[in-house]
N, C-alpha and C. Protein backbone atom coordinates (compact mmCIF):
# COMPACT_ATOMS: atom_id res chain seq x y z
N UNK A 1 0.85 -1.17 0.00
CA UNK A 1 0.00 0.00 0.00
C UNK A 1 0.90 1.24 0.00
N UNK A 2 0.63 2.15 -0.92
CA UNK A 2 1.43 3.35 -1.04
C UNK A 2 1.04 4.43 -0.04
N UNK A 3 1.78 5.50 -0.05
CA UNK A 3 1.56 6.60 0.89
C UNK A 3 0.17 7.21 0.73
N UNK A 4 -0.27 7.38 -0.52
CA UNK A 4 -1.58 7.99 -0.76
C UNK A 4 -2.72 7.11 -0.24
N UNK A 5 -2.59 5.81 -0.45
CA UNK A 5 -3.61 4.89 0.05
C UNK A 5 -3.66 4.91 1.57
N UNK A 6 -2.49 5.00 2.19
CA UNK A 6 -2.44 5.06 3.66
C UNK A 6 -3.07 6.35 4.17
N UNK A 7 -2.84 7.45 3.45
CA UNK A 7 -3.46 8.72 3.86
C UNK A 7 -4.98 8.64 3.73
N UNK A 8 -5.47 8.03 2.65
CA UNK A 8 -6.92 7.88 2.48
C UNK A 8 -7.50 7.02 3.60
N UNK A 9 -6.82 5.94 3.92
CA UNK A 9 -7.27 5.07 5.01
C UNK A 9 -7.31 5.85 6.33
N UNK A 10 -6.30 6.68 6.54
CA UNK A 10 -6.24 7.51 7.75
C UNK A 10 -7.38 8.53 7.78
N UNK A 11 -7.67 9.14 6.64
CA UNK A 11 -8.77 10.10 6.54
C UNK A 11 -10.10 9.45 6.91
N UNK A 12 -10.31 8.24 6.48
CA UNK A 12 -11.57 7.53 6.76
C UNK A 12 -11.79 7.31 8.26
N UNK A 13 -10.72 7.36 9.04
CA UNK A 13 -10.82 7.18 10.49
C UNK A 13 -11.08 8.50 11.23
N UNK A 14 -11.14 9.61 10.48
CA UNK A 14 -11.39 10.95 11.04
C UNK A 14 -10.44 11.30 12.20
N UNK A 15 -9.15 11.28 11.95
CA UNK A 15 -8.20 11.61 13.02
C UNK A 15 -8.28 13.08 13.40
N UNK A 16 -7.95 13.39 14.62
CA UNK A 16 -7.98 14.77 15.11
C UNK A 16 -6.76 15.58 14.67
N UNK A 17 -5.76 14.90 14.12
CA UNK A 17 -4.53 15.60 13.75
C UNK A 17 -4.25 15.54 12.24
N UNK A 18 -5.30 15.45 11.43
CA UNK A 18 -5.14 15.39 9.98
C UNK A 18 -4.81 16.78 9.46
N UNK A 19 -3.72 16.90 8.72
CA UNK A 19 -3.25 18.21 8.30
C UNK A 19 -3.80 18.60 6.92
N UNK A 20 -3.70 19.90 6.64
CA UNK A 20 -4.14 20.42 5.34
C UNK A 20 -3.33 19.76 4.21
N UNK A 21 -2.03 19.60 4.41
CA UNK A 21 -1.19 18.99 3.39
C UNK A 21 -1.60 17.54 3.11
N UNK A 22 -1.98 16.82 4.15
CA UNK A 22 -2.43 15.44 3.98
C UNK A 22 -3.75 15.41 3.20
N UNK A 23 -4.66 16.32 3.55
CA UNK A 23 -5.95 16.37 2.85
C UNK A 23 -5.74 16.73 1.38
N UNK A 24 -4.88 17.68 1.12
CA UNK A 24 -4.58 18.05 -0.27
C UNK A 24 -4.01 16.86 -1.03
N UNK A 25 -3.11 16.12 -0.41
CA UNK A 25 -2.51 14.95 -1.05
C UNK A 25 -3.56 13.89 -1.38
N UNK A 26 -4.52 13.67 -0.48
CA UNK A 26 -5.58 12.69 -0.72
C UNK A 26 -6.46 13.14 -1.89
N UNK A 27 -6.83 14.42 -1.91
CA UNK A 27 -7.68 14.92 -2.99
C UNK A 27 -6.98 14.81 -4.34
N UNK A 28 -5.69 15.12 -4.39
CA UNK A 28 -4.94 14.99 -5.63
C UNK A 28 -4.87 13.52 -6.05
N UNK A 29 -4.66 12.64 -5.09
CA UNK A 29 -4.64 11.19 -5.38
C UNK A 29 -5.96 10.73 -5.98
N UNK A 30 -7.07 11.32 -5.52
CA UNK A 30 -8.40 10.93 -6.01
C UNK A 30 -8.80 11.66 -7.30
N UNK A 31 -7.87 12.41 -7.87
CA UNK A 31 -8.14 13.02 -9.17
C UNK A 31 -8.55 14.48 -9.14
N UNK A 32 -8.45 15.11 -8.00
CA UNK A 32 -8.80 16.53 -7.89
C UNK A 32 -7.55 17.39 -8.07
N UNK A 33 -7.77 18.57 -8.61
CA UNK A 33 -6.68 19.53 -8.75
C UNK A 33 -7.08 20.81 -8.05
N UNK A 34 -6.14 21.44 -7.35
CA UNK A 34 -6.46 22.72 -6.72
C UNK A 34 -6.68 23.78 -7.81
N UNK A 35 -7.74 24.55 -7.67
CA UNK A 35 -8.01 25.64 -8.60
C UNK A 35 -7.28 26.88 -8.14
N UNK A 36 -6.83 27.66 -9.09
CA UNK A 36 -6.15 28.91 -8.77
C UNK A 36 -7.15 29.88 -8.15
N UNK A 37 -6.71 30.53 -7.09
CA UNK A 37 -7.57 31.53 -6.47
C UNK A 37 -7.11 32.91 -6.91
N UNK A 38 -8.02 33.85 -6.84
CA UNK A 38 -7.68 35.21 -7.21
C UNK A 38 -6.78 35.87 -6.19
N UNK A 39 -6.49 37.10 -6.44
CA UNK A 39 -5.60 37.84 -5.57
C UNK A 39 -6.15 37.94 -4.15
N UNK A 40 -7.48 38.00 -4.02
CA UNK A 40 -8.11 38.12 -2.70
C UNK A 40 -8.89 36.85 -2.36
N UNK A 41 -8.34 35.70 -2.71
CA UNK A 41 -9.02 34.43 -2.49
C UNK A 41 -9.20 34.08 -1.02
N UNK A 42 -8.42 34.71 -0.15
CA UNK A 42 -8.53 34.43 1.27
C UNK A 42 -8.19 32.99 1.58
N UNK A 43 -8.89 32.41 2.53
CA UNK A 43 -8.58 31.05 2.95
C UNK A 43 -9.47 30.01 2.26
N UNK A 44 -10.34 30.43 1.36
CA UNK A 44 -11.17 29.48 0.62
C UNK A 44 -10.35 28.81 -0.45
N UNK A 45 -10.46 27.49 -0.54
CA UNK A 45 -9.74 26.72 -1.55
C UNK A 45 -10.74 25.82 -2.26
N UNK A 46 -10.56 25.70 -3.57
CA UNK A 46 -11.44 24.85 -4.38
C UNK A 46 -10.59 23.80 -5.08
N UNK A 47 -11.16 22.60 -5.16
CA UNK A 47 -10.54 21.49 -5.86
C UNK A 47 -11.57 20.96 -6.85
N UNK A 48 -11.13 20.69 -8.08
CA UNK A 48 -12.05 20.19 -9.12
C UNK A 48 -11.50 18.90 -9.71
N UNK A 49 -12.42 17.98 -10.04
CA UNK A 49 -12.00 16.76 -10.71
C UNK A 49 -12.13 16.94 -12.22
N UNK A 50 -11.93 15.87 -12.98
CA UNK A 50 -11.98 15.94 -14.44
C UNK A 50 -13.35 16.37 -14.95
N UNK A 51 -14.39 16.04 -14.20
CA UNK A 51 -15.76 16.38 -14.60
C UNK A 51 -16.19 17.74 -14.09
N UNK A 52 -15.24 18.50 -13.58
CA UNK A 52 -15.48 19.86 -13.05
C UNK A 52 -16.37 19.85 -11.81
N UNK A 53 -16.41 18.73 -11.11
CA UNK A 53 -17.12 18.68 -9.83
C UNK A 53 -16.21 19.29 -8.78
N UNK A 54 -16.72 20.26 -8.07
CA UNK A 54 -15.88 21.07 -7.18
C UNK A 54 -16.13 20.71 -5.71
N UNK A 55 -15.03 20.68 -4.97
CA UNK A 55 -15.08 20.60 -3.51
C UNK A 55 -14.52 21.93 -3.02
N UNK A 56 -15.33 22.64 -2.24
CA UNK A 56 -14.98 23.96 -1.73
C UNK A 56 -14.64 23.83 -0.25
N UNK A 57 -13.43 24.25 0.13
CA UNK A 57 -12.96 24.07 1.50
C UNK A 57 -12.43 25.37 2.08
N UNK A 58 -12.35 25.39 3.39
CA UNK A 58 -11.74 26.50 4.11
C UNK A 58 -10.41 26.02 4.65
N UNK A 59 -9.32 26.63 4.19
CA UNK A 59 -7.99 26.23 4.66
C UNK A 59 -7.82 26.71 6.10
N UNK A 60 -7.41 25.80 6.99
CA UNK A 60 -7.26 26.19 8.39
C UNK A 60 -6.14 27.20 8.59
N UNK A 61 -6.36 28.09 9.52
CA UNK A 61 -5.32 29.04 9.90
C UNK A 61 -5.61 29.53 11.30
N UNK A 62 -4.70 29.86 12.11
CA UNK A 62 -3.28 29.93 11.80
C UNK A 62 -2.61 28.56 11.80
N UNK A 63 -3.25 27.54 12.33
CA UNK A 63 -2.66 26.20 12.35
C UNK A 63 -2.83 25.49 11.03
N UNK A 64 -2.49 24.20 11.01
CA UNK A 64 -2.54 23.42 9.79
C UNK A 64 -3.45 22.19 9.95
N UNK A 65 -4.10 22.06 11.10
CA UNK A 65 -4.94 20.90 11.38
C UNK A 65 -6.37 21.17 10.89
N UNK A 66 -6.90 20.24 10.10
CA UNK A 66 -8.24 20.38 9.55
C UNK A 66 -9.27 19.95 10.60
N UNK A 67 -10.30 20.74 10.75
CA UNK A 67 -11.36 20.44 11.73
C UNK A 67 -12.11 19.17 11.34
N UNK A 68 -12.62 18.48 12.34
CA UNK A 68 -13.32 17.21 12.11
C UNK A 68 -14.55 17.39 11.22
N UNK A 69 -15.29 18.47 11.41
CA UNK A 69 -16.50 18.67 10.61
C UNK A 69 -16.15 18.86 9.13
N UNK A 70 -14.99 19.45 8.85
CA UNK A 70 -14.55 19.63 7.46
C UNK A 70 -14.21 18.27 6.86
N UNK A 71 -13.53 17.43 7.63
CA UNK A 71 -13.20 16.08 7.16
C UNK A 71 -14.48 15.30 6.84
N UNK A 72 -15.48 15.43 7.69
CA UNK A 72 -16.76 14.74 7.46
C UNK A 72 -17.42 15.25 6.19
N UNK A 73 -17.38 16.57 5.97
CA UNK A 73 -17.96 17.14 4.75
C UNK A 73 -17.24 16.63 3.51
N UNK A 74 -15.92 16.57 3.57
CA UNK A 74 -15.14 16.08 2.43
C UNK A 74 -15.48 14.63 2.15
N UNK A 75 -15.53 13.80 3.18
CA UNK A 75 -15.87 12.39 2.99
C UNK A 75 -17.26 12.23 2.40
N UNK A 76 -18.20 13.03 2.88
CA UNK A 76 -19.57 12.96 2.35
C UNK A 76 -19.58 13.32 0.85
N UNK A 77 -18.87 14.38 0.50
CA UNK A 77 -18.84 14.78 -0.91
C UNK A 77 -18.13 13.73 -1.77
N UNK A 78 -17.07 13.15 -1.25
CA UNK A 78 -16.36 12.11 -2.01
C UNK A 78 -17.25 10.88 -2.22
N UNK A 79 -18.03 10.53 -1.22
CA UNK A 79 -18.95 9.40 -1.35
C UNK A 79 -20.05 9.71 -2.36
N UNK A 80 -20.60 10.92 -2.29
CA UNK A 80 -21.65 11.33 -3.23
C UNK A 80 -21.16 11.29 -4.68
N UNK A 81 -19.91 11.65 -4.87
CA UNK A 81 -19.34 11.72 -6.21
C UNK A 81 -18.74 10.38 -6.65
N UNK A 82 -18.84 9.36 -5.80
CA UNK A 82 -18.38 8.03 -6.15
C UNK A 82 -16.86 7.86 -6.15
N UNK A 83 -16.16 8.73 -5.44
CA UNK A 83 -14.70 8.63 -5.39
C UNK A 83 -14.22 7.62 -4.37
N UNK A 84 -15.03 7.40 -3.32
CA UNK A 84 -14.66 6.40 -2.30
C UNK A 84 -15.88 5.54 -2.01
């Protein structure tokens, strides 16, 4: 099992210490690409797959740990879109 598969497995367990970089790596592994934000994009980040289905997220700050409710939302959207 590769690093990306291990990260996905870890995400499914909803850990309290899942980082933004880990979440980004999982989304890229599942076929999503980060969309470019404008000059005033703030902390909102969007990821789109090949079919232009978008996942809209709030990048955590000042820390790097993603909140549990955000992880649940991402998992729900990934399930709805048939990615997991």
